[in-house]
Amino acid sequence: MDYMNEMNVEFIKSLYDSIVEENIQLYQEEFSNTVDSNEVLDEYWSKVLNFYEDLSEERKEILMSIIKQTIIDTISNVLGIIDGSSTLNDCDLEPKLLLDNKDTENELQDTFLAYIEENHMK
């Protein structure tokens, strides 16, 4: 594996850990540690908690899987835009991400999806 690819993989692993894993943990803690949804002041969050409280344990796990996949899909889409494999509607700008001042070689999205498939698919 060349140096640039190693940097891309290191970046992807950090993205996954920092965004996917940490946010799933935060969601699980928020859902599990809120005592009573009726005491929550934010109307949206109160509705979400009411919904969650009505789910069976199996459906709660399914919901967490849906949230996790949504986070993964969002990261993948953003990386595709950054690395040039996807485009923005009505935008001619070409974003680029440099890691240690080196071009990421238009492969961030593919590297991210390969990392997910190799390490986190059941």
N, C-alpha and C. Protein backbone atom coordinates (compact mmCIF):
# COMPACT_ATOMS: atom_id res chain seq x y z
N MET A 1 0.86 -1.18 0.00
CA MET A 1 0.00 0.00 0.00
C MET A 1 0.90 1.24 0.00
N ASP A 2 0.64 2.17 -0.89
CA ASP A 2 1.47 3.37 -0.95
C ASP A 2 1.08 4.36 0.15
N TYR A 3 1.98 5.36 0.33
CA TYR A 3 1.80 6.32 1.42
C TYR A 3 0.47 7.07 1.33
N MET A 4 0.11 7.51 0.12
CA MET A 4 -1.15 8.26 -0.05
C MET A 4 -2.34 7.40 0.32
N ASN A 5 -2.34 6.17 -0.14
CA ASN A 5 -3.45 5.27 0.18
C ASN A 5 -3.52 5.00 1.68
N GLU A 6 -2.36 4.87 2.32
CA GLU A 6 -2.33 4.67 3.77
C GLU A 6 -2.93 5.87 4.50
N MET A 7 -2.61 7.09 4.01
CA MET A 7 -3.19 8.30 4.61
C MET A 7 -4.69 8.32 4.43
N ASN A 8 -5.16 7.96 3.23
CA ASN A 8 -6.60 7.93 2.98
C ASN A 8 -7.28 6.95 3.93
N VAL A 9 -6.70 5.77 4.10
CA VAL A 9 -7.29 4.76 4.98
C VAL A 9 -7.29 5.24 6.43
N GLU A 10 -6.20 5.86 6.86
CA GLU A 10 -6.14 6.40 8.22
C GLU A 10 -7.23 7.45 8.42
N PHE A 11 -7.41 8.33 7.44
CA PHE A 11 -8.44 9.36 7.50
C PHE A 11 -9.83 8.73 7.56
N ILE A 12 -10.07 7.74 6.72
CA ILE A 12 -11.37 7.05 6.67
C ILE A 12 -11.67 6.37 8.00
N LYS A 13 -10.70 5.68 8.57
CA LYS A 13 -10.90 5.03 9.87
C LYS A 13 -11.26 6.06 10.94
N SER A 14 -10.57 7.19 10.92
CA SER A 14 -10.86 8.24 11.90
C SER A 14 -12.25 8.82 11.69
N LEU A 15 -12.65 9.02 10.42
CA LEU A 15 -14.01 9.49 10.14
C LEU A 15 -15.03 8.51 10.69
N TYR A 16 -14.82 7.24 10.41
CA TYR A 16 -15.77 6.22 10.87
C TYR A 16 -15.89 6.24 12.39
N ASP A 17 -14.76 6.19 13.06
CA ASP A 17 -14.78 6.15 14.53
C ASP A 17 -15.38 7.42 15.12
N SER A 18 -14.98 8.57 14.58
CA SER A 18 -15.40 9.86 15.14
C SER A 18 -16.84 10.21 14.82
N ILE A 19 -17.31 9.83 13.66
CA ILE A 19 -18.66 10.24 13.27
C ILE A 19 -19.66 9.10 13.46
N VAL A 20 -19.40 7.95 12.91
CA VAL A 20 -20.38 6.86 12.97
C VAL A 20 -20.47 6.30 14.38
N GLU A 21 -19.36 5.78 14.88
CA GLU A 21 -19.39 5.09 16.17
C GLU A 21 -19.76 6.03 17.33
N GLU A 22 -19.15 7.21 17.37
CA GLU A 22 -19.44 8.12 18.47
C GLU A 22 -20.89 8.61 18.44
N ASN A 23 -21.41 8.89 17.24
CA ASN A 23 -22.79 9.37 17.17
C ASN A 23 -23.81 8.28 17.47
N ILE A 24 -23.55 7.07 17.05
CA ILE A 24 -24.46 5.97 17.40
C ILE A 24 -24.48 5.79 18.91
N GLN A 25 -23.31 5.86 19.53
CA GLN A 25 -23.25 5.75 20.99
C GLN A 25 -24.03 6.89 21.64
N LEU A 26 -23.89 8.11 21.13
CA LEU A 26 -24.63 9.24 21.68
C LEU A 26 -26.14 9.04 21.54
N TYR A 27 -26.58 8.59 20.37
CA TYR A 27 -28.01 8.34 20.18
C TYR A 27 -28.51 7.28 21.16
N GLN A 28 -27.76 6.19 21.29
CA GLN A 28 -28.19 5.13 22.20
C GLN A 28 -28.27 5.64 23.63
N GLU A 29 -27.30 6.44 24.03
CA GLU A 29 -27.32 6.99 25.39
C GLU A 29 -28.50 7.94 25.58
N GLU A 30 -28.73 8.81 24.60
CA GLU A 30 -29.85 9.75 24.70
C GLU A 30 -31.18 9.02 24.78
N PHE A 31 -31.36 8.04 23.93
CA PHE A 31 -32.61 7.29 23.94
C PHE A 31 -32.79 6.50 25.23
N SER A 32 -31.72 5.92 25.71
CA SER A 32 -31.81 5.05 26.88
C SER A 32 -31.84 5.80 28.21
N ASN A 33 -31.23 6.96 28.26
CA ASN A 33 -31.08 7.66 29.53
C ASN A 33 -32.12 8.74 29.79
N THR A 34 -32.97 9.00 28.84
CA THR A 34 -34.01 9.99 29.08
C THR A 34 -35.14 9.29 29.83
N VAL A 35 -35.43 9.80 31.00
CA VAL A 35 -36.38 9.14 31.89
C VAL A 35 -37.81 9.21 31.36
N ASP A 36 -38.27 10.39 31.03
CA ASP A 36 -39.66 10.55 30.63
C ASP A 36 -39.74 11.56 29.49
N SER A 37 -40.23 11.11 28.35
CA SER A 37 -40.30 12.00 27.18
C SER A 37 -41.24 13.18 27.43
N ASN A 38 -42.17 13.05 28.36
CA ASN A 38 -43.08 14.15 28.66
C ASN A 38 -42.38 15.31 29.37
N GLU A 39 -41.20 15.02 29.95
CA GLU A 39 -40.45 16.06 30.65
C GLU A 39 -39.51 16.82 29.71
N VAL A 40 -39.37 16.36 28.49
CA VAL A 40 -38.47 17.00 27.53
C VAL A 40 -39.15 18.24 26.96
N LEU A 41 -38.45 19.35 26.97
CA LEU A 41 -39.03 20.61 26.52
C LEU A 41 -39.09 20.75 25.00
N ASP A 42 -38.10 20.21 24.32
CA ASP A 42 -38.07 20.30 22.86
C ASP A 42 -39.15 19.38 22.27
N GLU A 43 -40.08 19.95 21.52
CA GLU A 43 -41.22 19.19 21.00
C GLU A 43 -40.78 18.07 20.06
N TYR A 44 -39.85 18.36 19.18
CA TYR A 44 -39.35 17.34 18.25
C TYR A 44 -38.74 16.17 19.02
N TRP A 45 -37.83 16.47 19.95
CA TRP A 45 -37.16 15.41 20.70
C TRP A 45 -38.16 14.62 21.55
N SER A 46 -39.16 15.29 22.07
CA SER A 46 -40.20 14.61 22.84
C SER A 46 -40.94 13.59 21.97
N LYS A 47 -41.26 13.98 20.73
CA LYS A 47 -41.94 13.06 19.81
C LYS A 47 -41.04 11.87 19.46
N VAL A 48 -39.77 12.15 19.23
CA VAL A 48 -38.83 11.08 18.91
C VAL A 48 -38.73 10.09 20.06
N LEU A 49 -38.63 10.61 21.28
CA LEU A 49 -38.54 9.74 22.45
C LEU A 49 -39.82 8.93 22.66
N ASN A 50 -40.97 9.54 22.45
CA ASN A 50 -42.23 8.80 22.55
C ASN A 50 -42.25 7.65 21.54
N PHE A 51 -41.82 7.94 20.33
CA PHE A 51 -41.75 6.91 19.30
C PHE A 51 -40.82 5.78 19.75
N TYR A 52 -39.63 6.14 20.22
CA TYR A 52 -38.63 5.16 20.63
C TYR A 52 -39.14 4.31 21.80
N GLU A 53 -39.76 4.95 22.77
CA GLU A 53 -40.27 4.23 23.94
C GLU A 53 -41.31 3.18 23.59
N ASP A 54 -42.04 3.39 22.51
CA ASP A 54 -43.08 2.45 22.10
C ASP A 54 -42.55 1.26 21.32
N LEU A 55 -41.26 1.27 20.99
CA LEU A 55 -40.68 0.18 20.19
C LEU A 55 -40.27 -0.99 21.07
N SER A 56 -40.37 -2.19 20.50
CA SER A 56 -39.82 -3.38 21.17
C SER A 56 -38.30 -3.29 21.11
N GLU A 57 -37.62 -4.10 21.89
CA GLU A 57 -36.15 -4.10 21.88
C GLU A 57 -35.61 -4.41 20.48
N GLU A 58 -36.24 -5.35 19.80
CA GLU A 58 -35.80 -5.70 18.44
C GLU A 58 -35.93 -4.51 17.50
N ARG A 59 -37.04 -3.80 17.59
CA ARG A 59 -37.26 -2.63 16.73
C ARG A 59 -36.34 -1.47 17.10
N LYS A 60 -35.97 -1.36 18.37
CA LYS A 60 -35.00 -0.35 18.78
C LYS A 60 -33.65 -0.62 18.11
N GLU A 61 -33.25 -1.89 18.06
CA GLU A 61 -32.01 -2.27 17.38
C GLU A 61 -32.10 -1.96 15.89
N ILE A 62 -33.25 -2.22 15.30
CA ILE A 62 -33.45 -1.91 13.88
C ILE A 62 -33.34 -0.41 13.64
N LEU A 63 -33.96 0.37 14.51
CA LEU A 63 -33.87 1.83 14.38
C LEU A 63 -32.42 2.29 14.47
N MET A 64 -31.64 1.76 15.40
CA MET A 64 -30.23 2.15 15.50
C MET A 64 -29.47 1.75 14.24
N SER A 65 -29.82 0.61 13.65
CA SER A 65 -29.19 0.19 12.39
C SER A 65 -29.54 1.15 11.26
N ILE A 66 -30.77 1.61 11.22
CA ILE A 66 -31.20 2.57 10.20
C ILE A 66 -30.44 3.89 10.37
N ILE A 67 -30.34 4.35 11.60
CA ILE A 67 -29.61 5.60 11.87
C ILE A 67 -28.14 5.44 11.46
N LYS A 68 -27.54 4.32 11.83
CA LYS A 68 -26.14 4.07 11.49
C LYS A 68 -25.95 4.05 9.98
N GLN A 69 -26.82 3.37 9.26
CA GLN A 69 -26.70 3.31 7.80
C GLN A 69 -26.91 4.69 7.18
N THR A 70 -27.78 5.49 7.75
CA THR A 70 -28.00 6.85 7.25
C THR A 70 -26.75 7.70 7.43
N ILE A 71 -26.09 7.56 8.57
CA ILE A 71 -24.85 8.28 8.80
C ILE A 71 -23.78 7.84 7.79
N ILE A 72 -23.66 6.54 7.59
CA ILE A 72 -22.69 5.99 6.63
C ILE A 72 -22.98 6.50 5.22
N ASP A 73 -24.24 6.45 4.81
CA ASP A 73 -24.61 6.92 3.47
C ASP A 73 -24.29 8.41 3.29
N THR A 74 -24.55 9.19 4.32
CA THR A 74 -24.29 10.63 4.26
C THR A 74 -22.79 10.89 4.12
N ILE A 75 -21.99 10.23 4.93
CA ILE A 75 -20.54 10.39 4.82
C ILE A 75 -20.07 9.98 3.43
N SER A 76 -20.56 8.87 2.94
CA SER A 76 -20.18 8.39 1.61
C SER A 76 -20.51 9.42 0.54
N ASN A 77 -21.71 9.99 0.61
CA ASN A 77 -22.11 11.00 -0.38
C ASN A 77 -21.22 12.24 -0.32
N VAL A 78 -20.92 12.71 0.88
CA VAL A 78 -20.06 13.88 1.02
C VAL A 78 -18.66 13.58 0.50
N LEU A 79 -18.13 12.41 0.82
CA LEU A 79 -16.81 12.03 0.32
C LEU A 79 -16.80 11.94 -1.20
N GLY A 80 -17.89 11.44 -1.79
CA GLY A 80 -17.99 11.37 -3.25
C GLY A 80 -17.94 12.75 -3.87
N ILE A 81 -18.56 13.71 -3.24
CA ILE A 81 -18.53 15.09 -3.74
C ILE A 81 -17.12 15.66 -3.60
N ILE A 82 -16.50 15.42 -2.45
CA ILE A 82 -15.16 15.94 -2.21
C ILE A 82 -14.13 15.31 -3.15
N ASP A 83 -14.27 14.00 -3.40
CA ASP A 83 -13.24 13.35 -4.23
C ASP A 83 -13.56 13.40 -5.72
N GLY A 84 -14.70 13.97 -6.09
CA GLY A 84 -15.01 14.16 -7.50
C GLY A 84 -15.75 13.03 -8.16
N SER A 85 -16.05 11.96 -7.44
CA SER A 85 -16.78 10.85 -8.06
C SER A 85 -18.28 11.12 -8.13
N SER A 86 -18.75 12.13 -7.40
CA SER A 86 -20.14 12.58 -7.46
C SER A 86 -20.13 14.09 -7.67
N THR A 87 -21.24 14.61 -8.17
CA THR A 87 -21.30 16.05 -8.39
C THR A 87 -22.48 16.65 -7.63
N LEU A 88 -22.39 17.94 -7.43
CA LEU A 88 -23.48 18.69 -6.83
C LEU A 88 -24.38 19.21 -7.94
N ASN A 89 -25.66 19.24 -7.69
CA ASN A 89 -26.59 19.81 -8.67
C ASN A 89 -26.33 21.30 -8.82
N ASP A 90 -26.32 21.75 -10.05
CA ASP A 90 -26.20 23.18 -10.37
C ASP A 90 -24.99 23.85 -9.72
N CYS A 91 -23.88 23.14 -9.66
CA CYS A 91 -22.66 23.70 -9.07
C CYS A 91 -21.47 23.25 -9.90
N ASP A 92 -20.73 24.22 -10.42
CA ASP A 92 -19.56 23.91 -11.24
C ASP A 92 -18.26 23.92 -10.44
N LEU A 93 -18.34 24.19 -9.16
CA LEU A 93 -17.15 24.20 -8.33
C LEU A 93 -16.63 22.78 -8.13
N GLU A 94 -15.33 22.65 -8.05
CA GLU A 94 -14.71 21.34 -7.85
C GLU A 94 -13.98 21.32 -6.51
N PRO A 95 -14.59 20.74 -5.48
CA PRO A 95 -13.92 20.67 -4.19
C PRO A 95 -12.79 19.65 -4.23
N LYS A 96 -11.84 19.83 -3.34
CA LYS A 96 -10.72 18.90 -3.25
C LYS A 96 -10.30 18.84 -1.79
N LEU A 97 -9.97 17.66 -1.33
CA LEU A 97 -9.48 17.51 0.03
C LEU A 97 -8.02 17.11 -0.02
N LEU A 98 -7.21 17.83 0.72
CA LEU A 98 -5.79 17.50 0.83
C LEU A 98 -5.54 16.94 2.23
N LEU A 99 -4.76 15.89 2.29
CA LEU A 99 -4.31 15.34 3.56
C LEU A 99 -2.81 15.55 3.61
N ASP A 100 -2.35 16.26 4.60
CA ASP A 100 -0.93 16.64 4.69
C ASP A 100 -0.46 17.27 3.38
N ASN A 101 -1.28 18.15 2.82
CA ASN A 101 -0.99 18.88 1.58
C ASN A 101 -0.87 17.98 0.36
N LYS A 102 -1.43 16.78 0.40
CA LYS A 102 -1.40 15.86 -0.75
C LYS A 102 -2.84 15.58 -1.18
N ASP A 103 -3.04 15.54 -2.49
CA ASP A 103 -4.35 15.26 -3.06
C ASP A 103 -4.78 13.85 -2.64
N THR A 104 -6.06 13.68 -2.34
CA THR A 104 -6.58 12.38 -1.91
C THR A 104 -6.87 11.45 -3.07
N GLU A 105 -6.50 11.86 -4.28
CA GLU A 105 -6.50 11.00 -5.47
C GLU A 105 -7.89 10.49 -5.86
N ASN A 106 -8.92 11.26 -5.59
CA ASN A 106 -10.28 10.90 -6.02
C ASN A 106 -10.73 9.51 -5.60
N GLU A 107 -10.29 9.07 -4.42
CA GLU A 107 -10.69 7.72 -4.02
C GLU A 107 -11.24 7.63 -2.60
N LEU A 108 -11.61 8.75 -2.01
CA LEU A 108 -12.09 8.72 -0.63
C LEU A 108 -13.38 7.93 -0.48
N GLN A 109 -14.34 8.14 -1.36
CA GLN A 109 -15.61 7.43 -1.25
C GLN A 109 -15.39 5.93 -1.39
N ASP A 110 -14.62 5.52 -2.38
CA ASP A 110 -14.36 4.09 -2.57
C ASP A 110 -13.62 3.49 -1.38
N THR A 111 -12.66 4.24 -0.84
CA THR A 111 -11.91 3.76 0.32
C THR A 111 -12.84 3.62 1.53
N PHE A 112 -13.72 4.60 1.71
CA PHE A 112 -14.67 4.55 2.83
C PHE A 112 -15.60 3.34 2.70
N LEU A 113 -16.18 3.16 1.53
CA LEU A 113 -17.11 2.04 1.33
C LEU A 113 -16.41 0.68 1.46
N ALA A 114 -15.17 0.59 0.98
CA ALA A 114 -14.41 -0.65 1.14
C ALA A 114 -14.11 -0.92 2.60
N TYR A 115 -13.77 0.14 3.34
CA TYR A 115 -13.51 0.00 4.77
C TYR A 115 -14.76 -0.50 5.50
N ILE A 116 -15.90 0.07 5.17
CA ILE A 116 -17.17 -0.35 5.80
C ILE A 116 -17.43 -1.82 5.48
N GLU A 117 -17.30 -2.18 4.23
CA GLU A 117 -17.58 -3.56 3.82
C GLU A 117 -16.63 -4.56 4.47
N GLU A 118 -15.36 -4.22 4.55
CA GLU A 118 -14.37 -5.13 5.11
C GLU A 118 -14.43 -5.24 6.63
N ASN A 119 -14.82 -4.17 7.30
CA ASN A 119 -14.68 -4.12 8.75
C ASN A 119 -15.96 -4.04 9.56
N HIS A 120 -17.06 -3.66 8.92
CA HIS A 120 -18.25 -3.37 9.73
C HIS A 120 -19.54 -3.97 9.19
N MET A 121 -19.46 -4.81 8.20
CA MET A 121 -20.67 -5.46 7.69
C MET A 121 -20.81 -6.80 8.40
N LYS A 122 -22.03 -7.07 8.80
CA LYS A 122 -22.28 -8.35 9.50
C LYS A 122 -22.66 -9.42 8.51
